[in-house]
């Protein structure tokens, strides 16, 4: 009976392990605003991010000029706007803008995920207004009367709020238990150690539990790319390249996080071998002395 209980407890710990790892990653790297911004902050140097936001800023500046100053605009205004937008995304100020914009994106996403009554009829967006202001400032240097324009707001869609809201029930359910799952795993391991009979069985139980953690980490690594593809396939906005880069970066952050748990395989294997080897030595018959 003890052996059965020990086996079931270790198996349960192994089944809980991938959810515990994923839940702790979700809490540490996604739920936390600062950690999320740090995760995607390096994308300020990504060519796709720069191109998408430069195009959006140039489009917004030119459309605002055409709507409010329909006559007298020079023919080269579009070229000037493109040049100004490229300069804006390559400027030293762009990384700070990108981090601020993604902090806002994080707040928008969590507001939809956490509140079942939150409105979900718009889009999660990156506020490109500061970039448009830089573009207009450069155009003003060329003699364009940008002072006649009202405040120009340009938001680049990342995902529809309705799609994010669909994940809300699952997120709220996971968020409620994700912080508890590591403690559940620890509790199961403690129970296994209590049930085990003798120190050898305890060593083997702990070893198998650690091997289960490594196996769970390997499973998460294998699932990371399909998960990213599945999430991106649901994106239904223009300029979905921006969403793709963000999704890939966030999902990719799971890989180094999970890879750290692969190290549990080393002490796990050592403990299992020690437990088995010690057990065999204990069971080996002691030879009787030969008195003849």
C-alpha atoms as a PDB file:
ATOM      1  CA  UNK A   1       0.000   0.000   0.000  1.00  0.00           C
ATOM      2  CA  UNK A   2       2.851   2.380   0.829  1.00  0.00           C
ATOM      3  CA  UNK A   3       4.481   1.685  -2.532  1.00  0.00           C
ATOM      4  CA  UNK A   4       1.235   2.412  -4.379  1.00  0.00           C
ATOM      5  CA  UNK A   5       0.642   5.619  -2.431  1.00  0.00           C
ATOM      6  CA  UNK A   6       4.227   6.722  -3.041  1.00  0.00           C
ATOM      7  CA  UNK A   7       3.968   6.027  -6.780  1.00  0.00           C
ATOM      8  CA  UNK A   8       0.666   7.885  -7.124  1.00  0.00           C
ATOM      9  CA  UNK A   9       1.961  10.890  -5.184  1.00  0.00           C
ATOM     10  CA  UNK A  10       5.112  11.175  -7.317  1.00  0.00           C
ATOM     11  CA  UNK A  11       3.039  10.839 -10.500  1.00  0.00           C
ATOM     12  CA  UNK A  12       0.702  13.586  -9.311  1.00  0.00           C
ATOM     13  CA  UNK A  13       3.703  15.824  -8.605  1.00  0.00           C
ATOM     14  CA  UNK A  14       4.958  15.138 -12.126  1.00  0.00           C
ATOM     15  CA  UNK A  15       1.571  16.047 -13.605  1.00  0.00           C
ATOM     16  CA  UNK A  16       1.442  19.275 -11.582  1.00  0.00           C
ATOM     17  CA  UNK A  17       5.024  20.279 -12.483  1.00  0.00           C
ATOM     18  CA  UNK A  18       4.421  21.702 -16.008  1.00  0.00           C
ATOM     19  CA  UNK A  19       1.490  23.789 -14.766  1.00  0.00           C
ATOM     20  CA  UNK A  20       3.554  24.986 -11.800  1.00  0.00           C
ATOM     21  CA  UNK A  21       6.414  26.040 -14.078  1.00  0.00           C
ATOM     22  CA  UNK A  22       4.096  27.722 -16.591  1.00  0.00           C
ATOM     23  CA  UNK A  23       2.138  29.418 -13.808  1.00  0.00           C
ATOM     24  CA  UNK A  24       5.259  30.788 -12.148  1.00  0.00           C
ATOM     25  CA  UNK A  25       6.480  32.037 -15.547  1.00  0.00           C
ATOM     26  CA  UNK A  26       3.122  33.696 -16.158  1.00  0.00           C
ATOM     27  CA  UNK A  27       3.308  35.433 -12.796  1.00  0.00           C
ATOM     28  CA  UNK A  28       6.967  36.421 -13.062  1.00  0.00           C
ATOM     29  CA  UNK A  29       7.255  37.418 -16.723  1.00  0.00           C
ATOM     30  CA  UNK A  30       3.776  38.294 -17.988  1.00  0.00           C
ATOM     31  CA  UNK A  31       1.576  39.485 -15.120  1.00  0.00           C
ATOM     32  CA  UNK A  32       4.269  41.781 -13.732  1.00  0.00           C
ATOM     33  CA  UNK A  33       4.255  45.059 -15.668  1.00  0.00           C
ATOM     34  CA  UNK A  34       7.930  45.849 -15.220  1.00  0.00           C
ATOM     35  CA  UNK A  35       8.982  42.295 -16.117  1.00  0.00           C
ATOM     36  CA  UNK A  36       6.820  42.366 -19.256  1.00  0.00           C
ATOM     37  CA  UNK A  37       8.289  45.703 -20.340  1.00  0.00           C
ATOM     38  CA  UNK A  38      11.795  44.340 -19.751  1.00  0.00           C
ATOM     39  CA  UNK A  39      10.924  41.254 -21.821  1.00  0.00           C
ATOM     40  CA  UNK A  40       9.845  43.237 -24.890  1.00  0.00           C
ATOM     41  CA  UNK A  41      12.089  46.262 -24.311  1.00  0.00           C
ATOM     42  CA  UNK A  42      14.842  44.930 -26.568  1.00  0.00           C
ATOM     43  CA  UNK A  43      12.436  45.009 -29.514  1.00  0.00           C
ATOM     44  CA  UNK A  44      13.142  48.739 -29.826  1.00  0.00           C
ATOM     45  CA  UNK A  45      16.008  47.654 -32.096  1.00  0.00           C
ATOM     46  CA  UNK A  46      13.908  45.196 -34.088  1.00  0.00           C
ATOM     47  CA  UNK A  47      13.624  46.209 -37.792  1.00  0.00           C
ATOM     48  CA  UNK A  48      10.003  45.046 -38.009  1.00  0.00           C
ATOM     49  CA  UNK A  49       8.949  47.094 -34.988  1.00  0.00           C
ATOM     50  CA  UNK A  50      10.706  50.169 -36.329  1.00  0.00           C
ATOM     51  CA  UNK A  51       9.263  49.759 -39.815  1.00  0.00           C
ATOM     52  CA  UNK A  52       5.675  49.217 -38.646  1.00  0.00           C
ATOM     53  CA  UNK A  53       5.718  52.180 -36.268  1.00  0.00           C
ATOM     54  CA  UNK A  54       7.522  54.424 -38.755  1.00  0.00           C
ATOM     55  CA  UNK A  55       4.886  53.639 -41.406  1.00  0.00           C
ATOM     56  CA  UNK A  56       2.084  54.304 -38.918  1.00  0.00           C
ATOM     57  CA  UNK A  57       3.618  57.609 -37.805  1.00  0.00           C
ATOM     58  CA  UNK A  58       4.179  58.785 -41.384  1.00  0.00           C
ATOM     59  CA  UNK A  59       0.651  57.738 -42.407  1.00  0.00           C
ATOM     60  CA  UNK A  60      -0.846  59.524 -39.414  1.00  0.00           C
ATOM     61  CA  UNK A  61       1.079  62.741 -40.058  1.00  0.00           C
ATOM     62  CA  UNK A  62       0.235  62.865 -43.773  1.00  0.00           C
ATOM     63  CA  UNK A  63      -3.446  62.003 -43.232  1.00  0.00           C
ATOM     64  CA  UNK A  64      -3.742  64.738 -40.596  1.00  0.00           C
ATOM     65  CA  UNK A  65      -2.189  67.271 -42.970  1.00  0.00           C
ATOM     66  CA  UNK A  66      -4.417  66.230 -45.868  1.00  0.00           C
ATOM     67  CA  UNK A  67      -7.555  66.441 -43.730  1.00  0.00           C
ATOM     68  CA  UNK A  68      -6.786  69.806 -42.147  1.00  0.00           C
ATOM     69  CA  UNK A  69      -4.685  71.501 -44.846  1.00  0.00           C
ATOM     70  CA  UNK A  70      -6.181  70.161 -48.075  1.00  0.00           C
ATOM     71  CA  UNK A  71      -4.560  72.802 -50.317  1.00  0.00           C
ATOM     72  CA  UNK A  72      -0.996  73.954 -50.798  1.00  0.00           C
ATOM     73  CA  UNK A  73       0.857  70.922 -49.493  1.00  0.00           C
ATOM     74  CA  UNK A  74       4.065  70.280 -51.442  1.00  0.00           C
ATOM     75  CA  UNK A  75       4.269  67.098 -53.507  1.00  0.00           C
ATOM     76  CA  UNK A  76       7.223  65.841 -51.477  1.00  0.00           C
ATOM     77  CA  UNK A  77       5.389  65.854 -48.156  1.00  0.00           C
ATOM     78  CA  UNK A  78       4.999  62.064 -48.168  1.00  0.00           C
ATOM     79  CA  UNK A  79       8.709  61.517 -48.778  1.00  0.00           C
ATOM     80  CA  UNK A  80       9.579  64.024 -46.063  1.00  0.00           C
ATOM     81  CA  UNK A  81       7.203  62.312 -43.645  1.00  0.00           C
ATOM     82  CA  UNK A  82       8.774  58.907 -44.357  1.00  0.00           C
ATOM     83  CA  UNK A  83      12.249  60.298 -43.778  1.00  0.00           C
ATOM     84  CA  UNK A  84      11.160  62.001 -40.555  1.00  0.00           C
ATOM     85  CA  UNK A  85       9.474  58.803 -39.315  1.00  0.00           C
ATOM     86  CA  UNK A  86      12.585  56.723 -39.991  1.00  0.00           C
ATOM     87  CA  UNK A  87      14.682  59.277 -38.131  1.00  0.00           C
ATOM     88  CA  UNK A  88      12.224  59.154 -35.214  1.00  0.00           C
ATOM     89  CA  UNK A  89      12.414  55.357 -34.790  1.00  0.00           C
ATOM     90  CA  UNK A  90      16.201  55.447 -35.071  1.00  0.00           C
ATOM     91  CA  UNK A  91      16.586  58.248 -32.536  1.00  0.00           C
ATOM     92  CA  UNK A  92      17.973  57.745 -29.002  1.00  0.00           C
ATOM     93  CA  UNK A  93      14.501  58.587 -27.634  1.00  0.00           C
ATOM     94  CA  UNK A  94      12.804  55.646 -29.340  1.00  0.00           C
ATOM     95  CA  UNK A  95      13.681  52.927 -26.743  1.00  0.00           C
ATOM     96  CA  UNK A  96      12.137  55.022 -23.951  1.00  0.00           C
ATOM     97  CA  UNK A  97       9.028  55.595 -26.087  1.00  0.00           C
ATOM     98  CA  UNK A  98       8.791  51.852 -26.796  1.00  0.00           C
ATOM     99  CA  UNK A  99       8.987  50.902 -23.132  1.00  0.00           C
ATOM    100  CA  UNK A 100       6.324  53.449 -22.176  1.00  0.00           C
ATOM    101  CA  UNK A 101       4.063  52.286 -25.018  1.00  0.00           C
ATOM    102  CA  UNK A 102       4.367  48.639 -23.957  1.00  0.00           C
ATOM    103  CA  UNK A 103       3.603  49.473 -20.357  1.00  0.00           C
ATOM    104  CA  UNK A 104       0.353  50.924 -21.701  1.00  0.00           C
ATOM    105  CA  UNK A 105      -0.249  47.794 -23.830  1.00  0.00           C
ATOM    106  CA  UNK A 106       0.245  45.626 -20.742  1.00  0.00           C
ATOM    107  CA  UNK A 107      -2.296  47.662 -18.800  1.00  0.00           C
ATOM    108  CA  UNK A 108      -4.831  47.405 -21.636  1.00  0.00           C
ATOM    109  CA  UNK A 109      -4.457  43.628 -21.915  1.00  0.00           C
ATOM    110  CA  UNK A 110      -4.781  42.966 -18.193  1.00  0.00           C
ATOM    111  CA  UNK A 111      -7.774  45.315 -17.925  1.00  0.00           C
ATOM    112  CA  UNK A 112      -9.630  43.152 -20.463  1.00  0.00           C
ATOM    113  CA  UNK A 113      -8.427  39.821 -19.081  1.00  0.00           C
ATOM    114  CA  UNK A 114      -9.163  40.531 -15.428  1.00  0.00           C
ATOM    115  CA  UNK A 115     -12.557  42.242 -15.712  1.00  0.00           C
ATOM    116  CA  UNK A 116     -15.346  40.137 -17.248  1.00  0.00           C
ATOM    117  CA  UNK A 117     -17.424  43.309 -17.599  1.00  0.00           C
ATOM    118  CA  UNK A 118     -14.720  45.348 -19.353  1.00  0.00           C
ATOM    119  CA  UNK A 119     -15.751  46.748 -22.771  1.00  0.00           C
ATOM    120  CA  UNK A 120     -14.209  44.714 -25.575  1.00  0.00           C
ATOM    121  CA  UNK A 121     -15.341  46.539 -28.698  1.00  0.00           C
ATOM    122  CA  UNK A 122     -12.026  48.120 -29.643  1.00  0.00           C
ATOM    123  CA  UNK A 123      -8.415  47.064 -30.033  1.00  0.00           C
ATOM    124  CA  UNK A 124      -5.318  46.765 -27.892  1.00  0.00           C
ATOM    125  CA  UNK A 125      -3.094  49.462 -29.358  1.00  0.00           C
ATOM    126  CA  UNK A 126       0.344  51.042 -29.257  1.00  0.00           C
ATOM    127  CA  UNK A 127       0.069  54.812 -28.942  1.00  0.00           C
ATOM    128  CA  UNK A 128       2.172  56.189 -31.806  1.00  0.00           C
ATOM    129  CA  UNK A 129       1.161  59.790 -31.075  1.00  0.00           C
ATOM    130  CA  UNK A 130       4.606  60.790 -29.720  1.00  0.00           C
ATOM    131  CA  UNK A 131       6.218  59.558 -32.951  1.00  0.00           C
ATOM    132  CA  UNK A 132       3.737  61.541 -35.024  1.00  0.00           C
ATOM    133  CA  UNK A 133       4.658  64.641 -33.034  1.00  0.00           C
ATOM    134  CA  UNK A 134       8.328  64.090 -33.922  1.00  0.00           C
ATOM    135  CA  UNK A 135       7.425  63.679 -37.586  1.00  0.00           C
ATOM    136  CA  UNK A 136       5.344  66.860 -37.591  1.00  0.00           C
ATOM    137  CA  UNK A 137       8.124  68.775 -35.845  1.00  0.00           C
ATOM    138  CA  UNK A 138      10.516  67.830 -38.648  1.00  0.00           C
ATOM    139  CA  UNK A 139       7.939  68.763 -41.263  1.00  0.00           C
ATOM    140  CA  UNK A 140       7.478  72.121 -39.594  1.00  0.00           C
ATOM    141  CA  UNK A 141      11.201  72.727 -40.116  1.00  0.00           C
ATOM    142  CA  UNK A 142      10.487  72.360 -43.847  1.00  0.00           C
ATOM    143  CA  UNK A 143       7.842  75.064 -43.747  1.00  0.00           C
ATOM    144  CA  UNK A 144       4.728  72.899 -43.380  1.00  0.00           C
ATOM    145  CA  UNK A 145       2.171  74.780 -41.222  1.00  0.00           C
ATOM    146  CA  UNK A 146       1.645  72.000 -38.689  1.00  0.00           C
ATOM    147  CA  UNK A 147       0.508  74.553 -36.117  1.00  0.00           C
ATOM    148  CA  UNK A 148      -2.871  74.500 -37.848  1.00  0.00           C
ATOM    149  CA  UNK A 149      -3.395  70.871 -36.883  1.00  0.00           C
ATOM    150  CA  UNK A 150      -5.359  69.672 -33.858  1.00  0.00           C
ATOM    151  CA  UNK A 151      -3.783  67.070 -31.594  1.00  0.00           C
ATOM    152  CA  UNK A 152      -3.077  64.013 -33.727  1.00  0.00           C
ATOM    153  CA  UNK A 153      -3.754  60.625 -32.133  1.00  0.00           C
ATOM    154  CA  UNK A 154      -2.484  57.528 -33.899  1.00  0.00           C
ATOM    155  CA  UNK A 155      -2.869  54.096 -32.323  1.00  0.00           C
ATOM    156  CA  UNK A 156      -1.398  51.016 -33.939  1.00  0.00           C
ATOM    157  CA  UNK A 157      -3.606  47.957 -33.295  1.00  0.00           C
ATOM    158  CA  UNK A 158      -1.982  44.895 -31.766  1.00  0.00           C
ATOM    159  CA  UNK A 159      -5.078  42.711 -31.215  1.00  0.00           C
ATOM    160  CA  UNK A 160      -8.829  43.054 -30.999  1.00  0.00           C
ATOM    161  CA  UNK A 161     -10.102  43.382 -27.456  1.00  0.00           C
ATOM    162  CA  UNK A 162     -12.794  40.815 -28.200  1.00  0.00           C
ATOM    163  CA  UNK A 163     -10.130  38.193 -28.944  1.00  0.00           C
ATOM    164  CA  UNK A 164      -8.319  39.025 -25.733  1.00  0.00           C
ATOM    165  CA  UNK A 165     -11.611  38.838 -23.815  1.00  0.00           C
ATOM    166  CA  UNK A 166     -12.146  35.275 -25.102  1.00  0.00           C
ATOM    167  CA  UNK A 167      -9.087  34.247 -23.100  1.00  0.00           C
ATOM    168  CA  UNK A 168     -10.376  36.047 -20.001  1.00  0.00           C
ATOM    169  CA  UNK A 169     -12.162  33.111 -18.296  1.00  0.00           C
ATOM    170  CA  UNK A 170      -9.157  30.827 -18.752  1.00  0.00           C
ATOM    171  CA  UNK A 171      -6.776  33.543 -17.590  1.00  0.00           C
ATOM    172  CA  UNK A 172      -8.793  34.296 -14.463  1.00  0.00           C
ATOM    173  CA  UNK A 173      -9.014  30.600 -13.622  1.00  0.00           C
ATOM    174  CA  UNK A 174      -5.278  30.086 -14.122  1.00  0.00           C
ATOM    175  CA  UNK A 175      -4.357  33.315 -12.357  1.00  0.00           C
ATOM    176  CA  UNK A 176      -6.264  32.192  -9.301  1.00  0.00           C
ATOM    177  CA  UNK A 177      -4.228  29.009  -8.859  1.00  0.00           C
ATOM    178  CA  UNK A 178      -0.921  29.750 -10.620  1.00  0.00           C
ATOM    179  CA  UNK A 179       0.667  31.150  -7.472  1.00  0.00           C
ATOM    180  CA  UNK A 180      -0.427  28.071  -5.503  1.00  0.00           C
ATOM    181  CA  UNK A 181       0.780  25.370  -7.890  1.00  0.00           C
ATOM    182  CA  UNK A 182       4.465  25.477  -6.861  1.00  0.00           C
ATOM    183  CA  UNK A 183       3.341  24.980  -3.270  1.00  0.00           C
ATOM    184  CA  UNK A 184       1.066  22.126  -4.363  1.00  0.00           C
ATOM    185  CA  UNK A 185       4.092  20.456  -5.981  1.00  0.00           C
ATOM    186  CA  UNK A 186       6.141  20.937  -2.823  1.00  0.00           C
ATOM    187  CA  UNK A 187       3.271  19.548  -0.736  1.00  0.00           C
ATOM    188  CA  UNK A 188       3.033  16.434  -2.890  1.00  0.00           C
ATOM    189  CA  UNK A 189       6.772  15.857  -2.615  1.00  0.00           C
ATOM    190  CA  UNK A 190       6.593  16.233   1.169  1.00  0.00           C
ATOM    191  CA  UNK A 191       3.758  13.695   1.282  1.00  0.00           C
ATOM    192  CA  UNK A 192       5.838  11.322  -0.850  1.00  0.00           C
ATOM    193  CA  UNK A 193       8.751  11.640   1.567  1.00  0.00           C
ATOM    194  CA  UNK A 194       6.444  10.951   4.514  1.00  0.00           C
ATOM    195  CA  UNK A 195       4.917   7.908   2.838  1.00  0.00           C
ATOM    196  CA  UNK A 196       8.292   6.505   1.777  1.00  0.00           C
ATOM    197  CA  UNK A 197       9.699   3.852   4.105  1.00  0.00           C
ATOM    198  CA  UNK A 198      13.352   4.369   4.904  1.00  0.00           C
ATOM    199  CA  UNK A 199      15.876   6.905   3.709  1.00  0.00           C
ATOM    200  CA  UNK A 200      16.590   4.996   0.486  1.00  0.00           C
ATOM    201  CA  UNK A 201      12.961   5.221  -0.575  1.00  0.00           C
ATOM    202  CA  UNK A 202      12.924   8.885   0.356  1.00  0.00           C
ATOM    203  CA  UNK A 203      16.000   9.559  -1.767  1.00  0.00           C
ATOM    204  CA  UNK A 204      14.465   7.720  -4.730  1.00  0.00           C
ATOM    205  CA  UNK A 205      11.154   9.557  -4.329  1.00  0.00           C
ATOM    206  CA  UNK A 206      12.858  12.951  -4.308  1.00  0.00           C
ATOM    207  CA  UNK A 207      14.957  11.931  -7.297  1.00  0.00           C
ATOM    208  CA  UNK A 208      11.942  10.852  -9.337  1.00  0.00           C
ATOM    209  CA  UNK A 209      10.126  14.074  -8.386  1.00  0.00           C
ATOM    210  CA  UNK A 210      13.057  16.146  -9.687  1.00  0.00           C
ATOM    211  CA  UNK A 211      13.178  14.070 -12.864  1.00  0.00           C
ATOM    212  CA  UNK A 212       9.474  14.856 -13.263  1.00  0.00           C
ATOM    213  CA  UNK A 213      10.287  18.578 -13.084  1.00  0.00           C
ATOM    214  CA  UNK A 214      12.891  18.185 -15.826  1.00  0.00           C
ATOM    215  CA  UNK A 215      10.420  16.191 -17.936  1.00  0.00           C
ATOM    216  CA  UNK A 216       7.815  18.927 -17.463  1.00  0.00           C
ATOM    217  CA  UNK A 217      10.316  21.576 -18.542  1.00  0.00           C
ATOM    218  CA  UNK A 218      11.174  19.578 -21.659  1.00  0.00           C
ATOM    219  CA  UNK A 219       7.475  19.338 -22.496  1.00  0.00           C
ATOM    220  CA  UNK A 220       7.043  23.097 -22.153  1.00  0.00           C
ATOM    221  CA  UNK A 221      10.036  23.706 -24.414  1.00  0.00           C
ATOM    222  CA  UNK A 222       8.499  21.445 -27.041  1.00  0.00           C
ATOM    223  CA  UNK A 223       5.157  23.253 -26.758  1.00  0.00           C
ATOM    224  CA  UNK A 224       6.520  26.818 -26.904  1.00  0.00           C
ATOM    225  CA  UNK A 225       6.658  27.209 -30.695  1.00  0.00           C
ATOM    226  CA  UNK A 226       3.253  25.605 -31.414  1.00  0.00           C
ATOM    227  CA  UNK A 227       1.768  27.787 -28.674  1.00  0.00           C
ATOM    228  CA  UNK A 228       3.186  30.952 -30.244  1.00  0.00           C
ATOM    229  CA  UNK A 229       1.858  29.933 -33.670  1.00  0.00           C
ATOM    230  CA  UNK A 230      -1.587  29.192 -32.255  1.00  0.00           C
ATOM    231  CA  UNK A 231      -1.754  32.580 -30.514  1.00  0.00           C
ATOM    232  CA  UNK A 232      -0.602  34.467 -33.609  1.00  0.00           C
ATOM    233  CA  UNK A 233      -3.117  32.646 -35.818  1.00  0.00           C
ATOM    234  CA  UNK A 234      -5.868  34.254 -33.751  1.00  0.00           C
ATOM    235  CA  UNK A 235      -4.644  37.800 -34.341  1.00  0.00           C
ATOM    236  CA  UNK A 236      -7.109  39.694 -36.544  1.00  0.00           C
ATOM    237  CA  UNK A 237      -5.731  43.204 -37.010  1.00  0.00           C
ATOM    238  CA  UNK A 238      -3.856  45.138 -39.635  1.00  0.00           C
ATOM    239  CA  UNK A 239      -0.103  45.395 -39.213  1.00  0.00           C
ATOM    240  CA  UNK A 240      -0.144  41.981 -37.559  1.00  0.00           C
ATOM    241  CA  UNK A 241       3.656  41.917 -37.925  1.00  0.00           C
ATOM    242  CA  UNK A 242       3.805  43.971 -34.734  1.00  0.00           C
ATOM    243  CA  UNK A 243       1.635  41.468 -32.877  1.00  0.00           C
ATOM    244  CA  UNK A 244       3.786  38.647 -34.249  1.00  0.00           C
ATOM    245  CA  UNK A 245       7.002  40.144 -32.924  1.00  0.00           C
ATOM    246  CA  UNK A 246       5.462  40.781 -29.496  1.00  0.00           C
ATOM    247  CA  UNK A 247       3.932  37.295 -29.249  1.00  0.00           C
ATOM    248  CA  UNK A 248       7.149  35.608 -30.363  1.00  0.00           C
ATOM    249  CA  UNK A 249       9.203  37.551 -27.832  1.00  0.00           C
ATOM    250  CA  UNK A 250       6.870  36.831 -24.918  1.00  0.00           C
ATOM    251  CA  UNK A 251       6.586  33.123 -25.765  1.00  0.00           C
ATOM    252  CA  UNK A 252      10.338  32.915 -26.364  1.00  0.00           C
ATOM    253  CA  UNK A 253      10.888  34.152 -22.810  1.00  0.00           C
ATOM    254  CA  UNK A 254       9.318  30.879 -21.651  1.00  0.00           C
ATOM    255  CA  UNK A 255      12.157  28.881 -23.187  1.00  0.00           C
ATOM    256  CA  UNK A 256      15.075  30.168 -21.061  1.00  0.00           C
ATOM    257  CA  UNK A 257      12.801  30.114 -18.015  1.00  0.00           C
ATOM    258  CA  UNK A 258      11.824  26.473 -18.579  1.00  0.00           C
ATOM    259  CA  UNK A 259      15.368  25.534 -19.586  1.00  0.00           C
ATOM    260  CA  UNK A 260      16.548  26.363 -16.086  1.00  0.00           C
ATOM    261  CA  UNK A 261      14.304  23.625 -14.716  1.00  0.00           C
ATOM    262  CA  UNK A 262      16.022  21.050 -16.945  1.00  0.00           C
ATOM    263  CA  UNK A 263      18.903  21.231 -14.491  1.00  0.00           C
ATOM    264  CA  UNK A 264      16.709  19.325 -12.037  1.00  0.00           C
ATOM    265  CA  UNK A 265      17.470  16.211 -14.090  1.00  0.00           C
ATOM    266  CA  UNK A 266      21.054  16.080 -12.793  1.00  0.00           C
ATOM    267  CA  UNK A 267      20.362  15.885  -9.031  1.00  0.00           C
ATOM    268  CA  UNK A 268      17.257  13.822  -9.769  1.00  0.00           C
ATOM    269  CA  UNK A 269      19.211  11.165 -11.629  1.00  0.00           C
ATOM    270  CA  UNK A 270      21.946  11.167  -8.988  1.00  0.00           C
ATOM    271  CA  UNK A 271      19.418  10.685  -6.182  1.00  0.00           C
ATOM    272  CA  UNK A 272      17.644   7.858  -7.993  1.00  0.00           C
ATOM    273  CA  UNK A 273      20.943   6.050  -8.661  1.00  0.00           C
ATOM    274  CA  UNK A 274      22.072   6.538  -5.061  1.00  0.00           C
ATOM    275  CA  UNK A 275      18.779   5.177  -3.760  1.00  0.00           C
ATOM    276  CA  UNK A 276      18.870   2.160  -6.070  1.00  0.00           C
ATOM    277  CA  UNK A 277      22.558   1.427  -5.504  1.00  0.00           C
ATOM    278  CA  UNK A 278      22.271   1.707  -1.720  1.00  0.00           C
ATOM    279  CA  UNK A 279      19.205  -0.497  -1.761  1.00  0.00           C
ATOM    280  CA  UNK A 280      20.983  -3.219  -3.723  1.00  0.00           C
ATOM    281  CA  UNK A 281      23.958  -3.109  -1.398  1.00  0.00           C
ATOM    282  CA  UNK A 282      21.651  -3.458   1.584  1.00  0.00           C
ATOM    283  CA  UNK A 283      19.907  -6.442   0.000  1.00  0.00           C
ATOM    284  CA  UNK A 284      23.124  -8.228  -1.001  1.00  0.00           C
ATOM    285  CA  UNK A 285      23.781 -11.249   1.253  1.00  0.00           C
ATOM    286  CA  UNK A 286      26.833 -10.985   3.458  1.00  0.00           C
ATOM    287  CA  UNK A 287      29.138 -13.942   2.705  1.00  0.00           C
ATOM    288  CA  UNK A 288      29.820 -16.277   5.616  1.00  0.00           C
ATOM    289  CA  UNK A 289      33.435 -16.513   6.704  1.00  0.00           C
ATOM    290  CA  UNK A 290      35.300 -19.590   5.600  1.00  0.00           C
ATOM    291  CA  UNK A 291      36.816 -21.154   8.745  1.00  0.00           C
ATOM    292  CA  UNK A 292      38.385 -24.034   6.925  1.00  0.00           C
END
